[in-house]
PDB file of all heavy atoms in Angstrom:
ATOM      1  N   ASN A   1       6.038  -2.575   6.644  1.00  0.00           N
ATOM      2  CA  ASN A   1       5.405  -3.121   5.443  1.00  0.00           C
ATOM      3  C   ASN A   1       5.847  -4.561   5.215  1.00  0.00           C
ATOM      4  O   ASN A   1       6.992  -4.928   5.506  1.00  0.00           O
ATOM      5  CB  ASN A   1       5.787  -2.282   4.218  1.00  0.00           C
ATOM      6  CG  ASN A   1       4.998  -0.997   4.146  1.00  0.00           C
ATOM      7  OD1 ASN A   1       3.841  -0.992   3.775  1.00  0.00           O
ATOM      8  ND2 ASN A   1       5.621   0.103   4.523  1.00  0.00           N
ATOM      9  N   PHE A   2       4.932  -5.373   4.679  1.00  0.00           N
ATOM     10  CA  PHE A   2       5.243  -6.759   4.353  1.00  0.00           C
ATOM     11  C   PHE A   2       5.341  -6.909   2.835  1.00  0.00           C
ATOM     12  O   PHE A   2       4.580  -6.303   2.084  1.00  0.00           O
ATOM     13  CB  PHE A   2       4.175  -7.698   4.919  1.00  0.00           C
ATOM     14  CG  PHE A   2       4.088  -7.659   6.421  1.00  0.00           C
ATOM     15  CD1 PHE A   2       2.983  -7.103   7.055  1.00  0.00           C
ATOM     16  CD2 PHE A   2       5.117  -8.152   7.202  1.00  0.00           C
ATOM     17  CE1 PHE A   2       2.905  -7.052   8.441  1.00  0.00           C
ATOM     18  CE2 PHE A   2       5.056  -8.104   8.580  1.00  0.00           C
ATOM     19  CZ  PHE A   2       3.953  -7.555   9.202  1.00  0.00           C
ATOM     20  N   TYR A   3       6.308  -7.755   2.419  1.00  0.00           N
ATOM     21  CA  TYR A   3       6.615  -7.907   1.000  1.00  0.00           C
ATOM     22  C   TYR A   3       6.475  -9.376   0.579  1.00  0.00           C
ATOM     23  O   TYR A   3       6.096 -10.239   1.370  1.00  0.00           O
ATOM     24  CB  TYR A   3       8.010  -7.367   0.712  1.00  0.00           C
ATOM     25  CG  TYR A   3       8.108  -5.875   0.934  1.00  0.00           C
ATOM     26  CD1 TYR A   3       8.500  -5.360   2.181  1.00  0.00           C
ATOM     27  CD2 TYR A   3       7.781  -4.972  -0.076  1.00  0.00           C
ATOM     28  CE1 TYR A   3       8.578  -3.990   2.388  1.00  0.00           C
ATOM     29  CE2 TYR A   3       7.859  -3.595   0.134  1.00  0.00           C
ATOM     30  CZ  TYR A   3       8.253  -3.119   1.363  1.00  0.00           C
ATOM     31  OH  TYR A   3       8.322  -1.760   1.578  1.00  0.00           O
ATOM     32  N   ASN A   4       6.818  -9.645  -0.663  1.00  0.00           N
ATOM     33  CA  ASN A   4       6.595 -10.976  -1.242  1.00  0.00           C
ATOM     34  C   ASN A   4       7.234 -12.099  -0.434  1.00  0.00           C
ATOM     35  O   ASN A   4       6.679 -13.188  -0.325  1.00  0.00           O
ATOM     36  CB  ASN A   4       7.122 -11.012  -2.679  1.00  0.00           C
ATOM     37  CG  ASN A   4       6.264 -10.175  -3.622  1.00  0.00           C
ATOM     38  OD1 ASN A   4       5.086  -9.973  -3.379  1.00  0.00           O
ATOM     39  ND2 ASN A   4       6.860  -9.687  -4.689  1.00  0.00           N
ATOM     40  N   ASP A   5       8.415 -11.841   0.143  1.00  0.00           N
ATOM     41  CA  ASP A   5       9.127 -12.914   0.846  1.00  0.00           C
ATOM     42  C   ASP A   5       8.634 -13.128   2.274  1.00  0.00           C
ATOM     43  O   ASP A   5       9.226 -13.890   3.030  1.00  0.00           O
ATOM     44  CB  ASP A   5      10.635 -12.647   0.848  1.00  0.00           C
ATOM     45  CG  ASP A   5      10.999 -11.303   1.453  1.00  0.00           C
ATOM     46  OD1 ASP A   5      10.086 -10.493   1.697  1.00  0.00           O
ATOM     47  OD2 ASP A   5      12.204 -11.060   1.670  1.00  0.00           O
ATOM     48  N   HIS A   6       7.524 -12.469   2.662  1.00  0.00           N
ATOM     49  CA  HIS A   6       6.985 -12.630   4.017  1.00  0.00           C
ATOM     50  C   HIS A   6       5.814 -13.616   4.066  1.00  0.00           C
ATOM     51  O   HIS A   6       5.186 -13.758   5.114  1.00  0.00           O
ATOM     52  CB  HIS A   6       6.513 -11.275   4.570  1.00  0.00           C
ATOM     53  CG  HIS A   6       7.628 -10.340   4.929  1.00  0.00           C
ATOM     54  ND1 HIS A   6       7.719  -9.051   4.440  1.00  0.00           N
ATOM     55  CD2 HIS A   6       8.717 -10.520   5.709  1.00  0.00           C
ATOM     56  CE1 HIS A   6       8.794  -8.469   4.933  1.00  0.00           C
ATOM     57  NE2 HIS A   6       9.422  -9.339   5.705  1.00  0.00           N
ATOM     58  N   TYR A   7       5.527 -14.293   2.977  1.00  0.00           N
ATOM     59  CA  TYR A   7       4.341 -15.166   2.921  1.00  0.00           C
ATOM     60  C   TYR A   7       4.356 -16.223   4.023  1.00  0.00           C
ATOM     61  O   TYR A   7       3.402 -16.350   4.797  1.00  0.00           O
ATOM     62  CB  TYR A   7       4.265 -15.832   1.544  1.00  0.00           C
ATOM     63  CG  TYR A   7       3.085 -16.765   1.369  1.00  0.00           C
ATOM     64  CD1 TYR A   7       1.816 -16.273   1.090  1.00  0.00           C
ATOM     65  CD2 TYR A   7       3.249 -18.149   1.491  1.00  0.00           C
ATOM     66  CE1 TYR A   7       0.725 -17.128   0.924  1.00  0.00           C
ATOM     67  CE2 TYR A   7       2.163 -19.015   1.332  1.00  0.00           C
ATOM     68  CZ  TYR A   7       0.912 -18.500   1.055  1.00  0.00           C
ATOM     69  OH  TYR A   7      -0.159 -19.349   0.897  1.00  0.00           O
ATOM     70  N   ASP A   8       5.427 -16.992   4.109  1.00  0.00           N
ATOM     71  CA  ASP A   8       5.484 -18.070   5.105  1.00  0.00           C
ATOM     72  C   ASP A   8       5.468 -17.520   6.518  1.00  0.00           C
ATOM     73  O   ASP A   8       4.841 -18.100   7.417  1.00  0.00           O
ATOM     74  CB  ASP A   8       6.738 -18.929   4.875  1.00  0.00           C
ATOM     75  CG  ASP A   8       6.648 -19.727   3.577  1.00  0.00           C
ATOM     76  OD1 ASP A   8       5.532 -20.134   3.221  1.00  0.00           O
ATOM     77  OD2 ASP A   8       7.688 -19.921   2.932  1.00  0.00           O
ATOM     78  N   LEU A   9       6.145 -16.411   6.746  1.00  0.00           N
ATOM     79  CA  LEU A   9       6.152 -15.804   8.085  1.00  0.00           C
ATOM     80  C   LEU A   9       4.744 -15.398   8.487  1.00  0.00           C
ATOM     81  O   LEU A   9       4.305 -15.654   9.615  1.00  0.00           O
ATOM     82  CB  LEU A   9       7.086 -14.589   8.103  1.00  0.00           C
ATOM     83  CG  LEU A   9       7.214 -13.849   9.445  1.00  0.00           C
ATOM     84  CD1 LEU A   9       8.647 -13.370   9.653  1.00  0.00           C
ATOM     85  CD2 LEU A   9       6.274 -12.650   9.527  1.00  0.00           C
ATOM     86  N   LEU A  10       3.990 -14.775   7.578  1.00  0.00           N
ATOM     87  CA  LEU A  10       2.639 -14.307   7.907  1.00  0.00           C
ATOM     88  C   LEU A  10       1.704 -15.458   8.224  1.00  0.00           C
ATOM     89  O   LEU A  10       0.905 -15.383   9.166  1.00  0.00           O
ATOM     90  CB  LEU A  10       2.082 -13.477   6.748  1.00  0.00           C
ATOM     91  CG  LEU A  10       2.771 -12.128   6.495  1.00  0.00           C
ATOM     92  CD1 LEU A  10       2.177 -11.442   5.280  1.00  0.00           C
ATOM     93  CD2 LEU A  10       2.673 -11.234   7.716  1.00  0.00           C
ATOM     94  N   LEU A  11       1.794 -16.536   7.471  1.00  0.00           N
ATOM     95  CA  LEU A  11       0.906 -17.678   7.711  1.00  0.00           C
ATOM     96  C   LEU A  11       1.154 -18.313   9.074  1.00  0.00           C
ATOM     97  O   LEU A  11       0.252 -18.940   9.648  1.00  0.00           O
ATOM     98  CB  LEU A  11       1.081 -18.729   6.606  1.00  0.00           C
ATOM     99  CG  LEU A  11       0.068 -18.652   5.444  1.00  0.00           C
ATOM    100  CD1 LEU A  11       0.137 -17.307   4.758  1.00  0.00           C
ATOM    101  CD2 LEU A  11       0.323 -19.770   4.446  1.00  0.00           C
ATOM    102  N   GLY A  12       2.345 -18.152   9.611  1.00  0.00           N
ATOM    103  CA  GLY A  12       2.671 -18.758  10.893  1.00  0.00           C
ATOM    104  C   GLY A  12       2.258 -17.937  12.103  1.00  0.00           C
ATOM    105  O   GLY A  12       2.460 -18.368  13.244  1.00  0.00           O
ATOM    106  N   GLN A  13       1.689 -16.746  11.881  1.00  0.00           N
ATOM    107  CA  GLN A  13       1.309 -15.893  13.003  1.00  0.00           C
ATOM    108  C   GLN A  13      -0.116 -16.208  13.471  1.00  0.00           C
ATOM    109  O   GLN A  13      -0.976 -16.583  12.674  1.00  0.00           O
ATOM    110  CB  GLN A  13       1.417 -14.423  12.606  1.00  0.00           C
ATOM    111  CG  GLN A  13       2.763 -14.032  12.024  1.00  0.00           C
ATOM    112  CD  GLN A  13       3.934 -14.567  12.824  1.00  0.00           C
ATOM    113  OE1 GLN A  13       4.016 -14.327  14.038  1.00  0.00           O
ATOM    114  NE2 GLN A  13       4.829 -15.283  12.177  1.00  0.00           N
ATOM    115  N   ASP A  14      -0.362 -16.030  14.742  1.00  0.00           N
ATOM    116  CA  ASP A  14      -1.658 -16.349  15.344  1.00  0.00           C
ATOM    117  C   ASP A  14      -2.628 -15.182  15.167  1.00  0.00           C
ATOM    118  O   ASP A  14      -3.121 -14.581  16.131  1.00  0.00           O
ATOM    119  CB  ASP A  14      -1.472 -16.672  16.827  1.00  0.00           C
ATOM    120  CG  ASP A  14      -2.747 -17.254  17.450  1.00  0.00           C
ATOM    121  OD1 ASP A  14      -3.618 -17.695  16.683  1.00  0.00           O
ATOM    122  OD2 ASP A  14      -2.847 -17.261  18.687  1.00  0.00           O
ATOM    123  N   PHE A  15      -2.877 -14.838  13.910  1.00  0.00           N
ATOM    124  CA  PHE A  15      -3.763 -13.737  13.554  1.00  0.00           C
ATOM    125  C   PHE A  15      -4.556 -14.142  12.313  1.00  0.00           C
ATOM    126  O   PHE A  15      -4.181 -15.068  11.593  1.00  0.00           O
ATOM    127  CB  PHE A  15      -2.954 -12.464  13.250  1.00  0.00           C
ATOM    128  CG  PHE A  15      -2.178 -11.940  14.429  1.00  0.00           C
ATOM    129  CD1 PHE A  15      -0.902 -12.417  14.713  1.00  0.00           C
ATOM    130  CD2 PHE A  15      -2.709 -10.976  15.264  1.00  0.00           C
ATOM    131  CE1 PHE A  15      -0.176 -11.944  15.792  1.00  0.00           C
ATOM    132  CE2 PHE A  15      -1.994 -10.494  16.348  1.00  0.00           C
ATOM    133  CZ  PHE A  15      -0.727 -10.979  16.618  1.00  0.00           C
ATOM    134  N   LEU A  16      -5.642 -13.405  12.053  1.00  0.00           N
ATOM    135  CA  LEU A  16      -6.470 -13.682  10.883  1.00  0.00           C
ATOM    136  C   LEU A  16      -6.116 -12.787   9.699  1.00  0.00           C
ATOM    137  O   LEU A  16      -6.280 -13.181   8.551  1.00  0.00           O
ATOM    138  CB  LEU A  16      -7.948 -13.502  11.222  1.00  0.00           C
ATOM    139  CG  LEU A  16      -8.492 -14.341  12.382  1.00  0.00           C
ATOM    140  CD1 LEU A  16      -9.994 -14.122  12.531  1.00  0.00           C
ATOM    141  CD2 LEU A  16      -8.180 -15.820  12.182  1.00  0.00           C
ATOM    142  N   PHE A  17      -5.653 -11.580   9.971  1.00  0.00           N
ATOM    143  CA  PHE A  17      -5.278 -10.629   8.926  1.00  0.00           C
ATOM    144  C   PHE A  17      -3.897 -10.052   9.236  1.00  0.00           C
ATOM    145  O   PHE A  17      -3.365 -10.221  10.347  1.00  0.00           O
ATOM    146  CB  PHE A  17      -6.294  -9.489   8.827  1.00  0.00           C
ATOM    147  CG  PHE A  17      -7.551  -9.851   8.081  1.00  0.00           C
ATOM    148  CD1 PHE A  17      -8.516 -10.652   8.682  1.00  0.00           C
ATOM    149  CD2 PHE A  17      -7.766  -9.422   6.783  1.00  0.00           C
ATOM    150  CE1 PHE A  17      -9.675 -11.004   8.004  1.00  0.00           C
ATOM    151  CE2 PHE A  17      -8.919  -9.771   6.098  1.00  0.00           C
ATOM    152  CZ  PHE A  17      -9.872 -10.560   6.702  1.00  0.00           C
ATOM    153  N   ALA A  18      -3.317  -9.369   8.247  1.00  0.00           N
ATOM    154  CA  ALA A  18      -2.039  -8.682   8.437  1.00  0.00           C
ATOM    155  C   ALA A  18      -2.125  -7.296   7.817  1.00  0.00           C
ATOM    156  O   ALA A  18      -2.804  -7.077   6.820  1.00  0.00           O
ATOM    157  CB  ALA A  18      -0.896  -9.465   7.802  1.00  0.00           C
ATOM    158  N   ARG A  19      -1.448  -6.353   8.414  1.00  0.00           N
ATOM    159  CA  ARG A  19      -1.350  -4.988   7.928  1.00  0.00           C
ATOM    160  C   ARG A  19       0.066  -4.506   8.225  1.00  0.00           C
ATOM    161  O   ARG A  19       0.587  -4.788   9.300  1.00  0.00           O
ATOM    162  CB  ARG A  19      -2.377  -4.113   8.665  1.00  0.00           C
ATOM    163  CG  ARG A  19      -2.390  -2.661   8.203  1.00  0.00           C
ATOM    164  CD  ARG A  19      -3.436  -1.857   8.985  1.00  0.00           C
ATOM    165  NE  ARG A  19      -3.571  -0.519   8.443  1.00  0.00           N
ATOM    166  CZ  ARG A  19      -2.824   0.511   8.826  1.00  0.00           C
ATOM    167  NH1 ARG A  19      -1.880   0.343   9.747  1.00  0.00           N
ATOM    168  NH2 ARG A  19      -3.006   1.699   8.286  1.00  0.00           N
ATOM    169  N   LYS A  20       0.766  -3.845   7.339  1.00  0.00           N
ATOM    170  CA  LYS A  20       0.414  -3.356   6.033  1.00  0.00           C
ATOM    171  C   LYS A  20       1.064  -4.220   4.969  1.00  0.00           C
ATOM    172  O   LYS A  20       2.271  -4.472   5.039  1.00  0.00           O
ATOM    173  CB  LYS A  20       0.910  -1.928   5.834  1.00  0.00           C
ATOM    174  CG  LYS A  20       0.211  -0.822   6.540  1.00  0.00           C
ATOM    175  CD  LYS A  20       0.877   0.487   6.128  1.00  0.00           C
ATOM    176  CE  LYS A  20      -0.019   1.674   6.305  1.00  0.00           C
ATOM    177  NZ  LYS A  20       0.589   2.924   5.790  1.00  0.00           N
ATOM    178  N   ILE A  21       0.283  -4.599   3.977  1.00  0.00           N
ATOM    179  CA  ILE A  21       0.832  -5.281   2.823  1.00  0.00           C
ATOM    180  C   ILE A  21       1.269  -4.217   1.822  1.00  0.00           C
ATOM    181  O   ILE A  21       0.476  -3.355   1.417  1.00  0.00           O
ATOM    182  CB  ILE A  21      -0.209  -6.214   2.170  1.00  0.00           C
ATOM    183  CG1 ILE A  21      -0.798  -7.169   3.224  1.00  0.00           C
ATOM    184  CG2 ILE A  21       0.410  -6.978   1.016  1.00  0.00           C
ATOM    185  CD1 ILE A  21       0.201  -8.095   3.876  1.00  0.00           C
ATOM    186  N   SER A  22       2.518  -4.243   1.425  1.00  0.00           N
ATOM    187  CA  SER A  22       3.041  -3.216   0.523  1.00  0.00           C
ATOM    188  C   SER A  22       2.317  -3.256  -0.819  1.00  0.00           C
ATOM    189  O   SER A  22       2.030  -4.338  -1.354  1.00  0.00           O
ATOM    190  CB  SER A  22       4.539  -3.432   0.300  1.00  0.00           C
ATOM    191  OG  SER A  22       5.019  -2.606  -0.750  1.00  0.00           O
ATOM    192  N   PRO A  23       2.024  -2.087  -1.412  1.00  0.00           N
ATOM    193  CA  PRO A  23       1.435  -2.072  -2.760  1.00  0.00           C
ATOM    194  C   PRO A  23       2.312  -2.771  -3.795  1.00  0.00           C
ATOM    195  O   PRO A  23       1.817  -3.231  -4.822  1.00  0.00           O
ATOM    196  CB  PRO A  23       1.319  -0.564  -3.065  1.00  0.00           C
ATOM    197  CG  PRO A  23       1.301   0.097  -1.724  1.00  0.00           C
ATOM    198  CD  PRO A  23       2.178  -0.749  -0.851  1.00  0.00           C
ATOM    199  N   GLU A  24       3.627  -2.843  -3.517  1.00  0.00           N
ATOM    200  CA  GLU A  24       4.553  -3.480  -4.462  1.00  0.00           C
ATOM    201  C   GLU A  24       4.539  -5.006  -4.348  1.00  0.00           C
ATOM    202  O   GLU A  24       5.069  -5.691  -5.229  1.00  0.00           O
ATOM    203  CB  GLU A  24       5.974  -2.973  -4.205  1.00  0.00           C
ATOM    204  CG  GLU A  24       6.107  -1.456  -4.339  1.00  0.00           C
ATOM    205  CD  GLU A  24       7.453  -0.961  -3.841  1.00  0.00           C
ATOM    206  OE1 GLU A  24       8.309  -1.818  -3.513  1.00  0.00           O
ATOM    207  OE2 GLU A  24       7.639   0.256  -3.765  1.00  0.00           O
ATOM    208  N   ALA A  25       3.936  -5.541  -3.290  1.00  0.00           N
ATOM    209  CA  ALA A  25       3.982  -6.994  -3.049  1.00  0.00           C
ATOM    210  C   ALA A  25       2.888  -7.699  -3.842  1.00  0.00           C
ATOM    211  O   ALA A  25       1.967  -8.301  -3.287  1.00  0.00           O
ATOM    212  CB  ALA A  25       3.858  -7.277  -1.555  1.00  0.00           C
ATOM    213  N   LYS A  26       2.980  -7.638  -5.156  1.00  0.00           N
ATOM    214  CA  LYS A  26       1.951  -8.213  -6.030  1.00  0.00           C
ATOM    215  C   LYS A  26       1.827  -9.729  -5.833  1.00  0.00           C
ATOM    216  O   LYS A  26       0.724 -10.276  -5.767  1.00  0.00           O
ATOM    217  CB  LYS A  26       2.284  -7.911  -7.494  1.00  0.00           C
ATOM    218  CG  LYS A  26       2.483  -6.441  -7.814  1.00  0.00           C
ATOM    219  CD  LYS A  26       1.195  -5.658  -7.661  1.00  0.00           C
ATOM    220  CE  LYS A  26       1.388  -4.214  -8.118  1.00  0.00           C
ATOM    221  NZ  LYS A  26       0.182  -3.393  -7.893  1.00  0.00           N
ATOM    222  N   ASP A  27       2.962 -10.397  -5.752  1.00  0.00           N
ATOM    223  CA  ASP A  27       2.930 -11.858  -5.616  1.00  0.00           C
ATOM    224  C   ASP A  27       2.351 -12.264  -4.261  1.00  0.00           C
ATOM    225  O   ASP A  27       1.581 -13.233  -4.168  1.00  0.00           O
ATOM    226  CB  ASP A  27       4.336 -12.432  -5.780  1.00  0.00           C
ATOM    227  CG  ASP A  27       4.343 -13.953  -5.808  1.00  0.00           C
ATOM    228  OD1 ASP A  27       3.641 -14.533  -6.652  1.00  0.00           O
ATOM    229  OD2 ASP A  27       5.041 -14.560  -4.967  1.00  0.00           O
ATOM    230  N   LEU A  28       2.698 -11.528  -3.213  1.00  0.00           N
ATOM    231  CA  LEU A  28       2.153 -11.818  -1.882  1.00  0.00           C
ATOM    232  C   LEU A  28       0.638 -11.642  -1.884  1.00  0.00           C
ATOM    233  O   LEU A  28      -0.101 -12.488  -1.350  1.00  0.00           O
ATOM    234  CB  LEU A  28       2.795 -10.896  -0.843  1.00  0.00           C
ATOM    235  CG  LEU A  28       2.272 -11.020   0.595  1.00  0.00           C
ATOM    236  CD1 LEU A  28       2.488 -12.414   1.142  1.00  0.00           C
ATOM    237  CD2 LEU A  28       2.919  -9.974   1.506  1.00  0.00           C
ATOM    238  N   LYS A  29       0.152 -10.592  -2.495  1.00  0.00           N
ATOM    239  CA  LYS A  29      -1.299 -10.367  -2.559  1.00  0.00           C
ATOM    240  C   LYS A  29      -1.991 -11.487  -3.332  1.00  0.00           C
ATOM    241  O   LYS A  29      -3.076 -11.949  -2.946  1.00  0.00           O
ATOM    242  CB  LYS A  29      -1.584  -9.012  -3.205  1.00  0.00           C
ATOM    243  CG  LYS A  29      -1.211  -7.812  -2.343  1.00  0.00           C
ATOM    244  CD  LYS A  29      -1.610  -6.513  -3.020  1.00  0.00           C
ATOM    245  CE  LYS A  29      -1.325  -5.320  -2.129  1.00  0.00           C
ATOM    246  NZ  LYS A  29      -1.745  -4.057  -2.746  1.00  0.00           N
ATOM    247  N   ARG A  30      -1.376 -11.901  -4.418  1.00  0.00           N
ATOM    248  CA  ARG A  30      -1.981 -12.970  -5.228  1.00  0.00           C
ATOM    249  C   ARG A  30      -2.075 -14.267  -4.434  1.00  0.00           C
ATOM    250  O   ARG A  30      -3.113 -14.940  -4.416  1.00  0.00           O
ATOM    251  CB  ARG A  30      -1.145 -13.180  -6.490  1.00  0.00           C
ATOM    252  CG  ARG A  30      -1.648 -14.295  -7.413  1.00  0.00           C
ATOM    253  CD  ARG A  30      -0.709 -14.489  -8.582  1.00  0.00           C
ATOM    254  NE  ARG A  30       0.643 -14.783  -8.155  1.00  0.00           N
ATOM    255  CZ  ARG A  30       1.058 -15.983  -7.747  1.00  0.00           C
ATOM    256  NH1 ARG A  30       0.192 -17.006  -7.696  1.00  0.00           N
ATOM    257  NH2 ARG A  30       2.299 -16.177  -7.371  1.00  0.00           N
ATOM    258  N   ARG A  31      -0.995 -14.614  -3.732  1.00  0.00           N
ATOM    259  CA  ARG A  31      -0.974 -15.871  -2.987  1.00  0.00           C
ATOM    260  C   ARG A  31      -1.952 -15.829  -1.802  1.00  0.00           C
ATOM    261  O   ARG A  31      -2.657 -16.798  -1.524  1.00  0.00           O
ATOM    262  CB  ARG A  31       0.440 -16.169  -2.497  1.00  0.00           C
ATOM    263  CG  ARG A  31       1.443 -16.390  -3.617  1.00  0.00           C
ATOM    264  CD  ARG A  31       2.843 -16.589  -3.087  1.00  0.00           C
ATOM    265  NE  ARG A  31       2.990 -17.895  -2.437  1.00  0.00           N
ATOM    266  CZ  ARG A  31       4.111 -18.279  -1.816  1.00  0.00           C
ATOM    267  NH1 ARG A  31       5.149 -17.453  -1.744  1.00  0.00           N
ATOM    268  NH2 ARG A  31       4.177 -19.458  -1.251  1.00  0.00           N
ATOM    269  N   LEU A  32      -1.995 -14.691  -1.093  1.00  0.00           N
ATOM    270  CA  LEU A  32      -2.918 -14.580   0.035  1.00  0.00           C
ATOM    271  C   LEU A  32      -4.371 -14.573  -0.437  1.00  0.00           C
ATOM    272  O   LEU A  32      -5.250 -15.156   0.214  1.00  0.00           O
ATOM    273  CB  LEU A  32      -2.615 -13.304   0.834  1.00  0.00           C
ATOM    274  CG  LEU A  32      -1.303 -13.287   1.621  1.00  0.00           C
ATOM    275  CD1 LEU A  32      -1.097 -11.933   2.292  1.00  0.00           C
ATOM    276  CD2 LEU A  32      -1.247 -14.408   2.656  1.00  0.00           C
ATOM    277  N   GLY A  33      -4.626 -13.926  -1.563  1.00  0.00           N
ATOM    278  CA  GLY A  33      -5.988 -13.910  -2.103  1.00  0.00           C
ATOM    279  C   GLY A  33      -6.473 -15.301  -2.469  1.00  0.00           C
ATOM    280  O   GLY A  33      -7.634 -15.663  -2.236  1.00  0.00           O
ATOM    281  N   ARG A  34      -5.582 -16.097  -3.035  1.00  0.00           N
ATOM    282  CA  ARG A  34      -5.929 -17.468  -3.414  1.00  0.00           C
ATOM    283  C   ARG A  34      -6.118 -18.340  -2.177  1.00  0.00           C
ATOM    284  O   ARG A  34      -6.962 -19.237  -2.143  1.00  0.00           O
ATOM    285  CB  ARG A  34      -4.822 -18.028  -4.308  1.00  0.00           C
ATOM    286  CG  ARG A  34      -5.202 -19.273  -5.091  1.00  0.00           C
ATOM    287  CD  ARG A  34      -4.164 -19.521  -6.161  1.00  0.00           C
ATOM    288  NE  ARG A  34      -2.823 -19.591  -5.606  1.00  0.00           N
ATOM    289  CZ  ARG A  34      -1.708 -19.530  -6.358  1.00  0.00           C
ATOM    290  NH1 ARG A  34      -1.800 -19.390  -7.659  1.00  0.00           N
ATOM    291  NH2 ARG A  34      -0.528 -19.599  -5.793  1.00  0.00           N
ATOM    292  N   LEU A  35      -5.362 -18.052  -1.122  1.00  0.00           N
ATOM    293  CA  LEU A  35      -5.429 -18.846   0.106  1.00  0.00           C
ATOM    294  C   LEU A  35      -6.781 -18.717   0.790  1.00  0.00           C
ATOM    295  O   LEU A  35      -7.296 -19.692   1.346  1.00  0.00           O
ATOM    296  CB  LEU A  35      -4.322 -18.392   1.059  1.00  0.00           C
ATOM    297  CG  LEU A  35      -4.367 -18.956   2.486  1.00  0.00           C
ATOM    298  CD1 LEU A  35      -3.972 -20.432   2.479  1.00  0.00           C
ATOM    299  CD2 LEU A  35      -3.444 -18.166   3.413  1.00  0.00           C
ATOM    300  N   TYR A  36      -7.388 -17.538   0.753  1.00  0.00           N
ATOM    301  CA  TYR A  36      -8.573 -17.272   1.569  1.00  0.00           C
ATOM    302  C   TYR A  36      -9.716 -18.247   1.281  1.00  0.00           C
ATOM    303  O   TYR A  36     -10.446 -18.643   2.190  1.00  0.00           O
ATOM    304  CB  TYR A  36      -9.039 -15.833   1.346  1.00  0.00           C
ATOM    305  CG  TYR A  36     -10.133 -15.405   2.297  1.00  0.00           C
ATOM    306  CD1 TYR A  36      -9.874 -15.239   3.659  1.00  0.00           C
ATOM    307  CD2 TYR A  36     -11.426 -15.179   1.851  1.00  0.00           C
ATOM    308  CE1 TYR A  36     -10.862 -14.859   4.543  1.00  0.00           C
ATOM    309  CE2 TYR A  36     -12.439 -14.791   2.727  1.00  0.00           C
ATOM    310  CZ  TYR A  36     -12.147 -14.641   4.075  1.00  0.00           C
ATOM    311  OH  TYR A  36     -13.142 -14.267   4.949  1.00  0.00           O
TER     312      TYR A  36
END
């Protein structure tokens, strides 16, 4: 599972999506949603 502190790590990966985003990672979801 990926959590709030994984934002920078995820953006650096050579992929378009990531799985699994933890249901508890509210801030990560908000930031990724705004990024799209």
